[in-house]
N, C-alpha and C. Protein backbone atom coordinates (compact mmCIF):
# COMPACT_ATOMS: atom_id res chain seq x y z
N UNK A 1 2.36 21.44 -14.79
CA UNK A 1 1.71 20.15 -15.46
C UNK A 1 2.19 18.96 -15.67
N UNK A 2 3.47 19.28 -16.00
CA UNK A 2 4.85 18.34 -16.02
C UNK A 2 4.41 17.34 -14.85
N UNK A 3 4.96 18.26 -13.47
CA UNK A 3 4.42 16.88 -11.92
C UNK A 3 3.21 16.50 -12.09
N UNK A 4 2.27 16.99 -12.61
CA UNK A 4 1.03 16.64 -12.37
C UNK A 4 0.88 15.16 -13.38
N UNK A 5 1.73 15.18 -14.05
CA UNK A 5 1.01 14.44 -15.64
C UNK A 5 2.81 13.10 -14.64
N UNK A 6 3.76 12.96 -14.33
CA UNK A 6 4.47 12.67 -14.23
C UNK A 6 3.83 11.56 -13.11
N UNK A 7 3.52 12.19 -11.76
CA UNK A 7 2.83 11.32 -10.71
C UNK A 7 1.59 11.21 -10.60
N UNK A 8 0.39 11.44 -11.73
CA UNK A 8 -0.90 11.49 -11.48
C UNK A 8 -1.56 10.65 -12.79
N UNK A 9 -0.61 11.39 -13.45
CA UNK A 9 -1.03 10.83 -15.28
C UNK A 9 -2.66 11.70 -15.27
N UNK A 10 -2.78 12.96 -14.99
CA UNK A 10 -3.83 13.80 -15.20
C UNK A 10 -3.41 14.59 -15.93
N UNK A 11 -3.89 15.50 -16.61
CA UNK A 11 -3.72 16.88 -17.54
C UNK A 11 -4.79 17.63 -16.96
N UNK A 12 -4.14 18.73 -16.62
CA UNK A 12 -4.28 19.96 -15.73
C UNK A 12 -4.32 21.16 -16.04
N UNK A 13 -5.12 22.28 -16.29
CA UNK A 13 -4.86 23.84 -17.08
C UNK A 13 -4.77 24.44 -15.26
N UNK A 14 -3.40 25.06 -15.28
CA UNK A 14 -2.68 25.69 -14.43
C UNK A 14 -3.54 27.01 -14.71
N UNK A 15 -4.31 27.34 -12.92
CA UNK A 15 -4.86 28.77 -12.70
C UNK A 15 -3.90 29.94 -12.14
N UNK A 16 -2.57 29.18 -11.59
CA UNK A 16 -2.05 30.80 -10.89
C UNK A 16 -1.16 30.31 -9.74
N UNK A 17 0.14 30.50 -9.58
CA UNK A 17 0.67 30.44 -8.51
C UNK A 17 -0.48 30.20 -7.07
N UNK A 18 -0.18 29.30 -6.02
CA UNK A 18 -0.87 29.31 -4.62
C UNK A 18 0.39 29.17 -3.55
N UNK A 19 1.63 28.76 -3.71
CA UNK A 19 2.54 28.69 -2.65
C UNK A 19 3.99 28.41 -3.31
N UNK A 20 4.70 29.51 -2.31
CA UNK A 20 6.27 29.35 -2.51
C UNK A 20 6.86 29.15 -1.20
N UNK A 21 7.02 27.69 -0.94
CA UNK A 21 8.22 27.46 0.20
C UNK A 21 9.25 27.19 0.06
N UNK A 22 9.91 27.98 1.09
CA UNK A 22 11.60 27.93 1.31
C UNK A 22 11.50 26.04 2.51
N UNK A 23 12.54 25.56 2.05
CA UNK A 23 12.74 24.45 3.30
C UNK A 23 14.77 24.78 3.62
N UNK A 24 15.04 25.60 4.08
CA UNK A 24 16.54 25.83 3.82
C UNK A 24 17.60 24.62 4.36
N UNK A 25 17.39 24.28 5.32
CA UNK A 25 17.60 22.95 6.06
C UNK A 25 18.40 21.93 4.91
N UNK A 26 17.65 21.85 4.18
CA UNK A 26 17.59 20.97 2.75
C UNK A 26 17.96 21.40 1.38
N UNK A 27 17.67 22.76 1.93
CA UNK A 27 18.19 23.79 0.38
C UNK A 27 17.50 23.71 -0.48
N UNK A 28 16.24 23.67 -0.64
CA UNK A 28 15.03 23.61 -1.67
C UNK A 28 13.85 24.73 -1.15
N UNK A 29 13.38 24.75 -2.49
CA UNK A 29 11.76 25.57 -2.62
C UNK A 29 11.34 24.97 -3.21
N UNK A 30 9.84 25.31 -3.03
CA UNK A 30 8.89 24.21 -3.83
C UNK A 30 7.88 25.71 -4.52
N UNK A 31 7.46 25.70 -5.32
CA UNK A 31 6.55 26.56 -5.81
C UNK A 31 4.84 25.63 -6.27
N UNK A 32 4.22 26.05 -6.07
CA UNK A 32 2.92 24.91 -6.03
C UNK A 32 1.69 25.47 -6.62
N UNK A 33 1.38 25.40 -7.76
CA UNK A 33 0.01 25.72 -8.60
C UNK A 33 -1.34 25.61 -8.01
N UNK A 34 -2.27 26.08 -8.06
CA UNK A 34 -3.73 26.09 -8.36
C UNK A 34 -3.99 25.14 -10.09
N UNK A 35 -4.50 24.69 -9.88
CA UNK A 35 -4.86 23.87 -10.93
C UNK A 35 -6.00 23.19 -11.52
N UNK A 36 -6.54 22.80 -12.42
CA UNK A 36 -7.96 22.39 -12.95
C UNK A 36 -7.63 21.13 -13.50
N UNK A 37 -8.18 19.69 -13.26
CA UNK A 37 -8.47 19.01 -14.04
C UNK A 37 -9.13 18.83 -15.21
N UNK A 38 -8.60 18.79 -16.66
CA UNK A 38 -9.09 18.55 -17.15
C UNK A 38 -9.88 17.40 -18.34
N UNK A 39 -11.04 17.57 -19.13
CA UNK A 39 -11.37 16.41 -19.34
C UNK A 39 -10.33 15.62 -20.20
N UNK A 40 -10.34 14.55 -19.91
CA UNK A 40 -11.60 13.66 -19.85
C UNK A 40 -11.71 13.04 -18.19
N UNK A 41 -10.59 14.12 -17.54
CA UNK A 41 -11.14 13.87 -15.84
C UNK A 41 -10.54 12.55 -15.27
N UNK A 42 -9.46 12.01 -16.19
CA UNK A 42 -8.80 11.02 -15.55
C UNK A 42 -7.55 10.97 -14.64
N UNK A 43 -7.46 10.08 -14.13
CA UNK A 43 -5.90 10.21 -13.37
C UNK A 43 -6.01 8.94 -12.86
N UNK A 44 -4.34 8.28 -12.81
CA UNK A 44 -3.95 7.44 -12.29
C UNK A 44 -2.53 7.20 -11.65
N UNK A 45 -1.96 6.22 -11.56
CA UNK A 45 -0.68 5.87 -10.51
C UNK A 45 0.34 6.16 -11.33
N UNK A 46 1.56 7.30 -11.33
CA UNK A 46 2.47 7.28 -12.46
C UNK A 46 3.67 6.20 -11.97
N UNK A 47 4.57 6.28 -12.66
CA UNK A 47 5.96 5.55 -12.13
C UNK A 47 6.23 6.01 -10.67
N UNK A 48 6.14 6.58 -10.44
CA UNK A 48 7.32 7.18 -8.77
C UNK A 48 5.58 7.26 -8.27
N UNK A 49 4.39 6.76 -8.42
CA UNK A 49 3.26 6.61 -7.24
C UNK A 49 2.81 5.55 -7.15
N UNK A 50 2.85 5.79 -5.65
CA UNK A 50 1.99 4.08 -5.35
C UNK A 50 0.15 3.71 -5.12
N UNK A 51 -0.49 5.08 -4.80
CA UNK A 51 -1.79 5.53 -4.97
C UNK A 51 -2.27 7.00 -5.15
N UNK A 52 -3.23 6.75 -5.98
CA UNK A 52 -3.96 8.54 -6.43
C UNK A 52 -5.67 8.42 -5.97
N UNK A 53 -5.98 9.59 -5.74
CA UNK A 53 -7.25 9.59 -5.33
C UNK A 53 -7.61 10.93 -5.47
N UNK A 54 -8.88 10.98 -5.42
CA UNK A 54 -9.67 12.95 -5.47
C UNK A 54 -10.12 12.48 -4.35
N UNK A 55 -9.92 13.68 -3.18
CA UNK A 55 -10.72 14.12 -2.34
C UNK A 55 -11.52 15.09 -2.32
N UNK A 56 -12.92 15.46 -1.52
CA UNK A 56 -13.45 16.39 -0.67
C UNK A 56 -12.35 17.37 0.16
N UNK A 57 -12.25 18.89 0.17
CA UNK A 57 -11.30 19.18 0.76
C UNK A 57 -11.56 18.79 2.24
N UNK A 58 -12.08 18.59 2.87
CA UNK A 58 -12.46 17.99 4.61
C UNK A 58 -12.40 16.63 4.05
N UNK A 59 -12.43 15.75 3.40
CA UNK A 59 -11.89 14.22 3.28
C UNK A 59 -10.38 14.00 3.19
N UNK A 60 -9.51 14.94 3.24
CA UNK A 60 -7.84 14.79 2.74
C UNK A 60 -7.12 14.22 4.60
N UNK A 61 -6.71 13.09 3.89
CA UNK A 61 -6.16 12.28 5.16
C UNK A 61 -4.93 12.68 5.30
N UNK A 62 -5.10 13.70 6.16
CA UNK A 62 -3.54 14.14 6.11
C UNK A 62 -2.49 13.96 7.20
N UNK A 63 -2.88 12.71 8.11
CA UNK A 63 -2.15 11.79 8.95
C UNK A 63 -1.10 10.76 7.54
N UNK A 64 -2.14 10.61 6.72
CA UNK A 64 -1.28 9.84 5.52
C UNK A 64 -0.40 10.69 4.41
N UNK A 65 -0.51 11.73 4.49
CA UNK A 65 0.90 12.56 3.77
C UNK A 65 2.06 12.46 3.76
N UNK A 66 2.94 12.17 2.90
CA UNK A 66 3.92 12.22 3.09
C UNK A 66 5.05 13.03 3.36
N UNK A 67 4.79 14.32 3.11
CA UNK A 67 6.05 15.77 2.81
C UNK A 67 5.51 16.59 4.00
N UNK A 68 6.50 17.27 4.57
CA UNK A 68 5.55 18.53 5.00
C UNK A 68 4.93 19.58 4.37
N UNK A 69 5.84 20.12 3.17
CA UNK A 69 5.52 20.83 1.80
C UNK A 69 3.89 20.53 1.33
N UNK A 70 3.37 19.43 1.52
CA UNK A 70 2.28 18.86 0.76
C UNK A 70 1.18 19.12 1.99
N UNK A 71 1.62 18.68 3.69
CA UNK A 71 0.85 18.92 4.52
C UNK A 71 0.21 20.48 4.61
N UNK A 72 1.59 21.43 4.49
CA UNK A 72 1.18 22.47 4.81
C UNK A 72 0.50 22.91 3.42
N UNK A 73 0.50 22.88 2.43
CA UNK A 73 0.29 23.85 1.18
C UNK A 73 -1.47 23.13 1.14
N UNK A 74 -1.92 22.25 2.05
CA UNK A 74 -3.13 21.17 1.99
C UNK A 74 -4.63 21.98 2.90
N UNK A 75 -3.49 21.84 4.19
CA UNK A 75 -3.74 22.75 5.27
C UNK A 75 -4.73 24.31 4.92
N UNK A 76 -3.65 24.95 4.42
CA UNK A 76 -3.42 26.57 3.88
C UNK A 76 -4.90 26.08 2.87
N UNK A 77 -4.55 25.58 1.85
CA UNK A 77 -5.85 25.76 1.06
C UNK A 77 -7.22 25.16 1.58
N UNK A 78 -7.09 24.16 2.51
CA UNK A 78 -8.81 24.12 3.40
C UNK A 78 -9.06 25.22 4.11
N UNK A 79 -7.91 26.03 4.65
CA UNK A 79 -8.46 27.05 5.48
C UNK A 79 -8.86 28.13 4.51
N UNK A 80 -8.29 28.51 3.27
CA UNK A 80 -8.47 29.39 2.24
C UNK A 80 -9.88 29.03 2.34
N UNK A 81 -10.59 28.00 1.25
CA UNK A 81 -11.36 27.26 0.81
C UNK A 81 -12.22 27.35 2.27
N UNK A 82 -12.39 27.21 3.33
CA UNK A 82 -13.42 27.68 3.99
C UNK A 82 -13.56 28.83 4.05
N UNK A 83 -12.69 29.69 4.12
CA UNK A 83 -12.80 31.24 4.52
C UNK A 83 -13.53 31.82 3.27
N UNK A 84 -13.80 31.17 1.88
CA UNK A 84 -14.27 31.55 0.77
C UNK A 84 -13.07 32.64 0.25
N UNK A 85 -11.71 32.72 0.58
CA UNK A 85 -10.93 33.74 -0.43
C UNK A 85 -10.10 32.83 -0.87
N UNK A 86 -9.31 33.16 -2.11
CA UNK A 86 -8.01 32.60 -2.63
C UNK A 86 -6.96 33.86 -2.39
N UNK A 87 -5.78 32.96 -1.82
CA UNK A 87 -4.64 33.50 -1.54
C UNK A 87 -3.62 32.71 -2.22
N UNK A 88 -2.55 33.81 -2.05
CA UNK A 88 -1.45 33.21 -2.53
C UNK A 88 -0.29 33.64 -1.43
N UNK A 89 0.29 32.25 -0.59
CA UNK A 89 1.07 32.23 0.26
C UNK A 89 2.62 31.77 -0.20
N UNK A 90 3.23 32.47 0.97
CA UNK A 90 4.83 32.63 0.63
C UNK A 90 5.25 31.94 2.68
N UNK A 91 6.03 31.27 2.48
CA UNK A 91 6.66 30.50 4.01
C UNK A 91 7.69 29.65 4.26
N UNK A 92 8.31 29.78 5.20
CA UNK A 92 9.19 29.06 5.21
C UNK A 92 9.51 27.64 6.25
N UNK A 93 9.57 26.56 6.24
CA UNK A 93 9.37 25.37 6.61
C UNK A 93 10.58 25.34 7.68
N UNK A 94 10.83 25.40 8.58
CA UNK A 94 11.84 25.32 9.42
C UNK A 94 11.88 23.65 10.03
N UNK A 95 12.78 23.08 9.75
CA UNK A 95 13.47 22.02 9.81
C UNK A 95 13.81 21.60 10.93
N UNK A 96 14.27 20.28 12.14
CA UNK A 96 15.88 20.25 12.26
C UNK A 96 16.48 19.12 11.55
N UNK A 97 17.83 19.27 11.48
CA UNK A 97 18.39 18.90 10.62
C UNK A 97 18.18 17.61 10.85
N UNK A 98 18.36 16.15 10.22
CA UNK A 98 18.19 14.82 10.03
C UNK A 98 17.14 14.23 10.17
N UNK A 99 16.07 14.92 10.13
CA UNK A 99 14.71 14.22 10.41
C UNK A 99 14.16 13.43 8.97
N UNK A 100 13.29 13.40 9.47
CA UNK A 100 12.81 12.16 7.89
C UNK A 100 11.52 13.41 7.41
N UNK A 101 11.60 13.76 6.04
CA UNK A 101 10.53 14.53 5.69
C UNK A 101 9.27 14.76 6.01
N UNK A 102 8.77 13.29 6.27
CA UNK A 102 7.23 13.80 6.87
C UNK A 102 7.02 13.42 8.16
N UNK A 103 8.11 14.00 8.84
CA UNK A 103 7.91 14.13 10.48
C UNK A 103 7.38 15.16 11.08
N UNK A 104 6.57 15.39 11.07
CA UNK A 104 5.53 16.58 11.42
C UNK A 104 6.47 17.20 12.52
N UNK A 105 6.33 16.68 13.26
CA UNK A 105 6.63 17.37 14.99
C UNK A 105 8.21 17.97 14.60
N UNK A 106 8.93 18.02 14.00
CA UNK A 106 9.96 18.54 13.66
C UNK A 106 10.19 19.66 12.69
N UNK A 107 8.94 20.08 12.24
CA UNK A 107 8.97 21.25 11.34
C UNK A 107 8.22 22.45 12.02
N UNK A 108 8.37 23.36 11.82
CA UNK A 108 7.95 24.59 12.03
C UNK A 108 7.29 25.49 10.72
N UNK A 109 5.96 25.60 10.55
CA UNK A 109 5.70 26.74 9.52
C UNK A 109 6.06 28.35 9.66
N UNK A 110 6.64 29.32 9.21
CA UNK A 110 6.80 30.16 9.45
C UNK A 110 5.93 31.09 7.91
N UNK A 111 4.94 31.63 8.11
CA UNK A 111 4.32 32.11 7.27
C UNK A 111 5.08 33.98 6.65
N UNK A 112 5.77 34.18 5.85
CA UNK A 112 5.95 35.22 5.44
C UNK A 112 5.00 36.18 5.20
N UNK A 113 4.17 35.72 4.08
CA UNK A 113 3.37 36.83 3.58
C UNK A 113 2.05 36.14 2.98
N UNK A 114 0.98 36.62 2.62
CA UNK A 114 -0.28 35.88 2.30
C UNK A 114 -0.86 37.00 1.45
N UNK A 115 -1.41 36.54 0.44
CA UNK A 115 -1.55 38.27 -0.45
C UNK A 115 -3.41 37.33 -1.08
N UNK A 116 -4.58 38.15 -0.81
CA UNK A 116 -5.84 37.58 -1.39
C UNK A 116 -5.96 38.46 -2.34
N UNK A 117 -6.63 37.55 -3.02
CA UNK A 117 -6.87 38.34 -4.66
C UNK A 117 -8.19 38.98 -4.68
N UNK A 118 -8.25 39.73 -5.41
CA UNK A 118 -9.11 40.89 -5.24
C UNK A 118 -10.37 39.84 -5.93
N UNK A 119 -11.49 41.35 -5.78
CA UNK A 119 -12.76 40.22 -6.11
C UNK A 119 -13.06 40.56 -7.14
N UNK A 120 -13.63 39.47 -8.61
CA UNK A 120 -14.01 40.25 -9.51
C UNK A 120 -15.26 40.10 -9.92
């Protein structure tokens, strides 16, 4: 919730974890959550953000994303959405040392596991 507020000045309700990503070459791990935008449904650029927008899943501008972690997370989200399932993912992003964070040609995603939520 804090990160969403800092980046997009948006208030959200966290629904649960979505993906845990390890990026060993830079010694970082990411835990990214599913969330719902809360009323009054407003958002804007935070101090570290150049641009914010809402997109339908099929309209996400993948070629403009800055980080491999967000690229992979959003690709998996679109795949899950199209399949009509809710999953939790864990994986590793293997990158070559010294490459830029946004150089997707220099990374490989290894899906360690995924868990499909039980039907309710």
